[in-house]
Amino acid sequence: MSCVVAFGGSRALPWVWRDRVRSVVRALLEFSSLSFAVGDAGGADQFAVEALVTFGAARRSRLFAVGAPGGRGAWTGTAVGTVSWAETRGAAVLWEAGGAAGLPLVGRLRGRTRACVRGA
């Protein structure tokens, strides 16, 4: 049986929490049947993506980005660089997961979250 774990949390999660997020990811990676769904925000999402890639689980990850490749449609709370790096390591990225970059940001953020939850 396969299960998907969705990570999400504060965009403003302080760096002192990074190691805690890494510990949770590392513990979950012990279960080979798990795959992961994560958004593209800074903070908790970014820490989870970094950990998944660092621990060799990029290919078990599906990332949901509010913007387009290269950052078009992203905003200051988006970890575009981390998501792009994860993609080069094998993560599947659904760019513009909340709608086309030209649409209003609030709606795209909601849509990205819905897509991530559906992906889990």
N, C-alpha and C. Protein backbone atom coordinates (compact mmCIF):
# COMPACT_ATOMS: atom_id res chain seq x y z
N MET A 1 0.84 -1.18 0.00
CA MET A 1 0.00 0.00 0.00
C MET A 1 0.89 1.24 0.00
N SER A 2 0.49 2.25 -0.75
CA SER A 2 1.24 3.50 -0.84
C SER A 2 0.44 4.62 -0.20
N CYS A 3 1.12 5.48 0.51
CA CYS A 3 0.48 6.64 1.16
C CYS A 3 1.27 7.89 0.81
N VAL A 4 0.55 9.01 0.80
CA VAL A 4 1.18 10.30 0.54
C VAL A 4 1.08 11.16 1.79
N VAL A 5 2.20 11.76 2.17
CA VAL A 5 2.25 12.68 3.29
C VAL A 5 2.37 14.09 2.73
N ALA A 6 1.50 14.99 3.14
CA ALA A 6 1.58 16.39 2.72
C ALA A 6 2.23 17.21 3.82
N PHE A 7 3.23 17.98 3.44
CA PHE A 7 3.87 18.90 4.38
C PHE A 7 3.34 20.29 4.12
N GLY A 8 3.13 21.03 5.16
CA GLY A 8 2.72 22.43 5.05
C GLY A 8 2.92 23.09 6.39
N GLY A 9 2.97 24.39 6.37
CA GLY A 9 3.14 25.09 7.64
C GLY A 9 3.44 26.55 7.41
N SER A 10 3.94 27.16 8.42
CA SER A 10 4.18 28.59 8.41
C SER A 10 5.20 29.01 7.36
N ARG A 11 4.86 30.09 6.65
CA ARG A 11 5.82 30.68 5.71
C ARG A 11 6.91 31.42 6.47
N ALA A 12 6.62 31.73 7.71
CA ALA A 12 7.56 32.50 8.52
C ALA A 12 8.22 31.64 9.59
N LEU A 13 8.30 30.35 9.37
CA LEU A 13 8.91 29.46 10.34
C LEU A 13 10.39 29.83 10.49
N PRO A 14 10.82 30.15 11.69
CA PRO A 14 12.22 30.57 11.88
C PRO A 14 13.21 29.45 11.54
N TRP A 15 14.41 29.84 11.15
CA TRP A 15 15.45 28.89 10.79
C TRP A 15 15.77 27.91 11.92
N VAL A 16 15.54 28.31 13.17
CA VAL A 16 15.84 27.40 14.29
C VAL A 16 14.97 26.15 14.23
N TRP A 17 13.90 26.16 13.46
CA TRP A 17 13.02 25.00 13.30
C TRP A 17 13.47 24.08 12.18
N ARG A 18 14.42 24.51 11.39
CA ARG A 18 14.86 23.73 10.22
C ARG A 18 15.26 22.31 10.61
N ASP A 19 16.05 22.16 11.65
CA ASP A 19 16.49 20.82 12.05
C ASP A 19 15.34 19.95 12.55
N ARG A 20 14.34 20.56 13.15
CA ARG A 20 13.17 19.79 13.59
C ARG A 20 12.40 19.25 12.39
N VAL A 21 12.22 20.07 11.39
CA VAL A 21 11.54 19.62 10.17
C VAL A 21 12.36 18.50 9.52
N ARG A 22 13.66 18.68 9.46
CA ARG A 22 14.53 17.64 8.88
C ARG A 22 14.39 16.32 9.65
N SER A 23 14.28 16.40 10.96
CA SER A 23 14.12 15.18 11.77
C SER A 23 12.82 14.46 11.45
N VAL A 24 11.75 15.22 11.28
CA VAL A 24 10.46 14.62 10.94
C VAL A 24 10.54 13.95 9.56
N VAL A 25 11.13 14.66 8.60
CA VAL A 25 11.28 14.09 7.26
C VAL A 25 12.11 12.82 7.32
N ARG A 26 13.22 12.87 8.01
CA ARG A 26 14.10 11.69 8.10
C ARG A 26 13.35 10.49 8.70
N ALA A 27 12.56 10.73 9.74
CA ALA A 27 11.80 9.65 10.37
C ALA A 27 10.78 9.06 9.39
N LEU A 28 10.11 9.91 8.64
CA LEU A 28 9.10 9.43 7.69
C LEU A 28 9.73 8.67 6.53
N LEU A 29 10.95 9.00 6.18
CA LEU A 29 11.62 8.32 5.07
C LEU A 29 11.95 6.87 5.38
N GLU A 30 11.84 6.49 6.64
CA GLU A 30 12.04 5.09 7.02
C GLU A 30 10.96 4.19 6.40
N PHE A 31 9.83 4.79 6.05
CA PHE A 31 8.71 4.05 5.47
C PHE A 31 8.79 4.18 3.95
N SER A 32 9.27 3.16 3.29
CA SER A 32 9.52 3.24 1.85
C SER A 32 8.25 3.37 1.02
N SER A 33 7.10 3.08 1.62
CA SER A 33 5.86 3.17 0.87
C SER A 33 5.33 4.60 0.80
N LEU A 34 5.96 5.54 1.50
CA LEU A 34 5.47 6.91 1.53
C LEU A 34 6.02 7.73 0.38
N SER A 35 5.17 8.61 -0.14
CA SER A 35 5.61 9.67 -1.03
C SER A 35 5.13 10.98 -0.41
N PHE A 36 5.55 12.10 -0.99
CA PHE A 36 5.36 13.38 -0.32
C PHE A 36 4.82 14.44 -1.27
N ALA A 37 3.94 15.28 -0.74
CA ALA A 37 3.38 16.43 -1.46
C ALA A 37 3.72 17.67 -0.64
N VAL A 38 4.29 18.67 -1.31
CA VAL A 38 4.74 19.88 -0.61
C VAL A 38 4.49 21.09 -1.50
N GLY A 39 4.14 22.20 -0.87
CA GLY A 39 3.99 23.46 -1.59
C GLY A 39 5.34 24.10 -1.85
N ASP A 40 5.30 25.37 -2.25
CA ASP A 40 6.55 26.05 -2.62
C ASP A 40 6.84 27.27 -1.78
N ALA A 41 6.19 27.39 -0.63
CA ALA A 41 6.41 28.56 0.22
C ALA A 41 7.75 28.45 0.94
N GLY A 42 8.24 29.58 1.39
CA GLY A 42 9.40 29.57 2.27
C GLY A 42 8.99 28.98 3.60
N GLY A 43 9.89 28.91 4.54
CA GLY A 43 9.55 28.38 5.86
C GLY A 43 9.41 26.88 5.85
N ALA A 44 8.30 26.38 6.38
CA ALA A 44 8.10 24.94 6.57
C ALA A 44 8.19 24.16 5.26
N ASP A 45 7.54 24.66 4.20
CA ASP A 45 7.60 23.97 2.90
C ASP A 45 9.05 23.86 2.42
N GLN A 46 9.74 24.97 2.47
CA GLN A 46 11.12 25.00 1.99
C GLN A 46 12.01 24.04 2.79
N PHE A 47 11.86 24.04 4.11
CA PHE A 47 12.67 23.13 4.94
C PHE A 47 12.38 21.67 4.59
N ALA A 48 11.11 21.35 4.36
CA ALA A 48 10.73 19.97 4.01
C ALA A 48 11.32 19.58 2.67
N VAL A 49 11.23 20.46 1.67
CA VAL A 49 11.78 20.17 0.35
C VAL A 49 13.29 19.98 0.43
N GLU A 50 13.97 20.87 1.15
CA GLU A 50 15.42 20.75 1.30
C GLU A 50 15.78 19.39 1.92
N ALA A 51 15.04 19.00 2.94
CA ALA A 51 15.32 17.72 3.61
C ALA A 51 15.06 16.54 2.67
N LEU A 52 13.96 16.57 1.95
CA LEU A 52 13.65 15.47 1.03
C LEU A 52 14.76 15.29 -0.01
N VAL A 53 15.24 16.39 -0.54
CA VAL A 53 16.31 16.31 -1.54
C VAL A 53 17.61 15.86 -0.88
N THR A 54 17.96 16.46 0.23
CA THR A 54 19.21 16.13 0.93
C THR A 54 19.27 14.66 1.30
N PHE A 55 18.14 14.09 1.70
CA PHE A 55 18.10 12.69 2.12
C PHE A 55 17.82 11.73 0.96
N GLY A 56 17.87 12.25 -0.27
CA GLY A 56 17.74 11.39 -1.44
C GLY A 56 16.33 10.99 -1.81
N ALA A 57 15.35 11.75 -1.38
CA ALA A 57 13.95 11.38 -1.64
C ALA A 57 13.25 12.32 -2.63
N ALA A 58 14.02 13.02 -3.44
CA ALA A 58 13.40 13.93 -4.40
C ALA A 58 12.43 13.19 -5.32
N ARG A 59 12.79 12.01 -5.75
CA ARG A 59 11.95 11.25 -6.69
C ARG A 59 10.66 10.74 -6.04
N ARG A 60 10.59 10.81 -4.74
CA ARG A 60 9.36 10.42 -4.02
C ARG A 60 8.51 11.65 -3.71
N SER A 61 8.87 12.81 -4.28
CA SER A 61 8.25 14.08 -3.93
C SER A 61 7.52 14.70 -5.10
N ARG A 62 6.37 15.26 -4.81
CA ARG A 62 5.63 16.05 -5.80
C ARG A 62 5.45 17.44 -5.19
N LEU A 63 5.92 18.46 -5.91
CA LEU A 63 5.90 19.83 -5.41
C LEU A 63 4.89 20.65 -6.19
N PHE A 64 4.23 21.55 -5.50
CA PHE A 64 3.17 22.36 -6.07
C PHE A 64 3.56 23.82 -5.98
N ALA A 65 3.85 24.42 -7.13
CA ALA A 65 4.36 25.79 -7.19
C ALA A 65 3.28 26.76 -7.64
N VAL A 66 3.25 27.92 -7.00
CA VAL A 66 2.27 28.94 -7.35
C VAL A 66 2.66 29.67 -8.64
N GLY A 67 3.96 29.72 -8.95
CA GLY A 67 4.43 30.42 -10.13
C GLY A 67 4.86 29.46 -11.23
N ALA A 68 5.45 30.06 -12.24
CA ALA A 68 5.94 29.31 -13.40
C ALA A 68 7.43 29.05 -13.23
N PRO A 69 7.99 28.14 -14.03
CA PRO A 69 9.44 27.93 -13.98
C PRO A 69 10.17 29.26 -14.20
N GLY A 70 11.25 29.45 -13.47
CA GLY A 70 12.00 30.69 -13.58
C GLY A 70 11.49 31.78 -12.67
N GLY A 71 10.37 31.54 -12.00
CA GLY A 71 9.88 32.50 -11.02
C GLY A 71 8.78 33.43 -11.48
N ARG A 72 8.38 33.37 -12.73
CA ARG A 72 7.29 34.24 -13.19
C ARG A 72 6.02 33.88 -12.41
N GLY A 73 5.40 34.88 -11.79
CA GLY A 73 4.19 34.66 -11.02
C GLY A 73 4.46 34.31 -9.56
N ALA A 74 5.72 34.19 -9.20
CA ALA A 74 6.07 33.92 -7.80
C ALA A 74 5.97 35.22 -6.99
N TRP A 75 6.10 35.12 -5.71
CA TRP A 75 6.10 36.30 -4.84
C TRP A 75 7.18 36.12 -3.79
N THR A 76 7.35 37.08 -2.92
CA THR A 76 8.46 37.05 -1.97
C THR A 76 8.40 35.88 -0.99
N GLY A 77 7.25 35.29 -0.79
CA GLY A 77 7.13 34.16 0.12
C GLY A 77 7.32 32.81 -0.54
N THR A 78 7.77 32.82 -1.79
CA THR A 78 7.94 31.59 -2.56
C THR A 78 9.41 31.18 -2.58
N ALA A 79 9.65 29.89 -2.44
CA ALA A 79 11.02 29.34 -2.46
C ALA A 79 11.31 28.77 -3.85
N VAL A 80 11.27 29.63 -4.86
CA VAL A 80 11.45 29.20 -6.25
C VAL A 80 12.78 28.49 -6.45
N GLY A 81 13.84 29.03 -5.89
CA GLY A 81 15.16 28.42 -6.05
C GLY A 81 15.22 27.01 -5.50
N THR A 82 14.61 26.80 -4.35
CA THR A 82 14.61 25.47 -3.73
C THR A 82 13.80 24.49 -4.56
N VAL A 83 12.64 24.93 -5.06
CA VAL A 83 11.79 24.06 -5.88
C VAL A 83 12.50 23.71 -7.19
N SER A 84 13.13 24.69 -7.80
CA SER A 84 13.86 24.44 -9.05
C SER A 84 15.01 23.47 -8.82
N TRP A 85 15.73 23.63 -7.72
CA TRP A 85 16.82 22.72 -7.36
C TRP A 85 16.29 21.30 -7.16
N ALA A 86 15.16 21.19 -6.45
CA ALA A 86 14.56 19.87 -6.21
C ALA A 86 14.17 19.21 -7.53
N GLU A 87 13.66 20.01 -8.45
CA GLU A 87 13.28 19.46 -9.76
C GLU A 87 14.50 18.88 -10.48
N THR A 88 15.63 19.55 -10.39
CA THR A 88 16.84 19.03 -11.04
C THR A 88 17.32 17.74 -10.38
N ARG A 89 16.86 17.48 -9.17
CA ARG A 89 17.25 16.26 -8.45
C ARG A 89 16.20 15.15 -8.57
N GLY A 90 15.14 15.42 -9.34
CA GLY A 90 14.16 14.37 -9.61
C GLY A 90 12.78 14.58 -9.04
N ALA A 91 12.54 15.66 -8.31
CA ALA A 91 11.19 15.93 -7.81
C ALA A 91 10.27 16.29 -8.97
N ALA A 92 9.04 15.85 -8.88
CA ALA A 92 8.03 16.23 -9.87
C ALA A 92 7.44 17.56 -9.42
N VAL A 93 7.45 18.55 -10.29
CA VAL A 93 6.93 19.87 -9.94
C VAL A 93 5.74 20.20 -10.82
N LEU A 94 4.65 20.56 -10.19
CA LEU A 94 3.50 21.07 -10.92
C LEU A 94 3.57 22.59 -10.83
N TRP A 95 4.12 23.20 -11.87
CA TRP A 95 4.24 24.66 -11.92
C TRP A 95 2.86 25.26 -12.17
N GLU A 96 2.63 26.45 -11.65
CA GLU A 96 1.35 27.15 -11.76
C GLU A 96 0.21 26.26 -11.28
N ALA A 97 0.44 25.59 -10.16
CA ALA A 97 -0.54 24.64 -9.61
C ALA A 97 -1.85 25.30 -9.22
N GLY A 98 -1.83 26.60 -8.99
CA GLY A 98 -3.05 27.30 -8.61
C GLY A 98 -3.67 28.10 -9.73
N GLY A 99 -3.11 28.00 -10.92
CA GLY A 99 -3.62 28.76 -12.05
C GLY A 99 -2.50 29.54 -12.72
N ALA A 100 -2.80 30.06 -13.88
CA ALA A 100 -1.80 30.78 -14.67
C ALA A 100 -1.25 31.98 -13.91
N ALA A 101 0.03 32.26 -14.14
CA ALA A 101 0.74 33.32 -13.41
C ALA A 101 0.08 34.69 -13.54
N GLY A 102 -0.70 34.92 -14.55
CA GLY A 102 -1.34 36.22 -14.73
C GLY A 102 -2.58 36.43 -13.87
N LEU A 103 -3.08 35.39 -13.24
CA LEU A 103 -4.28 35.50 -12.38
C LEU A 103 -3.91 36.10 -11.04
N PRO A 104 -4.90 36.62 -10.28
CA PRO A 104 -4.61 37.22 -8.97
C PRO A 104 -3.93 36.22 -8.02
N LEU A 105 -2.95 36.71 -7.27
CA LEU A 105 -2.14 35.87 -6.40
C LEU A 105 -2.95 35.13 -5.35
N VAL A 106 -3.88 35.78 -4.69
CA VAL A 106 -4.64 35.14 -3.61
C VAL A 106 -5.35 33.89 -4.12
N GLY A 107 -5.96 33.98 -5.26
CA GLY A 107 -6.65 32.82 -5.83
C GLY A 107 -5.67 31.72 -6.22
N ARG A 108 -4.50 32.11 -6.73
CA ARG A 108 -3.51 31.10 -7.11
C ARG A 108 -2.94 30.40 -5.88
N LEU A 109 -2.77 31.14 -4.78
CA LEU A 109 -2.29 30.51 -3.55
C LEU A 109 -3.31 29.49 -3.03
N ARG A 110 -4.58 29.88 -3.04
CA ARG A 110 -5.64 28.93 -2.63
C ARG A 110 -5.64 27.71 -3.55
N GLY A 111 -5.56 27.95 -4.83
CA GLY A 111 -5.57 26.86 -5.80
C GLY A 111 -4.37 25.95 -5.64
N ARG A 112 -3.21 26.52 -5.36
CA ARG A 112 -2.01 25.70 -5.13
C ARG A 112 -2.18 24.80 -3.91
N THR A 113 -2.76 25.36 -2.85
CA THR A 113 -2.99 24.56 -1.64
C THR A 113 -3.97 23.45 -1.92
N ARG A 114 -5.05 23.74 -2.63
CA ARG A 114 -6.01 22.70 -2.99
C ARG A 114 -5.36 21.60 -3.82
N ALA A 115 -4.52 22.01 -4.78
CA ALA A 115 -3.84 21.03 -5.62
C ALA A 115 -2.92 20.14 -4.78
N CYS A 116 -2.24 20.72 -3.84
CA CYS A 116 -1.34 19.96 -2.97
C CYS A 116 -2.12 18.96 -2.13
N VAL A 117 -3.25 19.39 -1.58
CA VAL A 117 -4.08 18.50 -0.77
C VAL A 117 -4.63 17.37 -1.63
N ARG A 118 -5.10 17.70 -2.85
CA ARG A 118 -5.57 16.66 -3.76
C ARG A 118 -4.45 15.71 -4.14
N GLY A 119 -3.23 16.23 -4.23
CA GLY A 119 -2.08 15.41 -4.56
C GLY A 119 -1.69 14.47 -3.44
N ALA A 120 -2.19 14.76 -2.25
CA ALA A 120 -1.91 13.90 -1.10
C ALA A 120 -3.01 12.89 -1.00
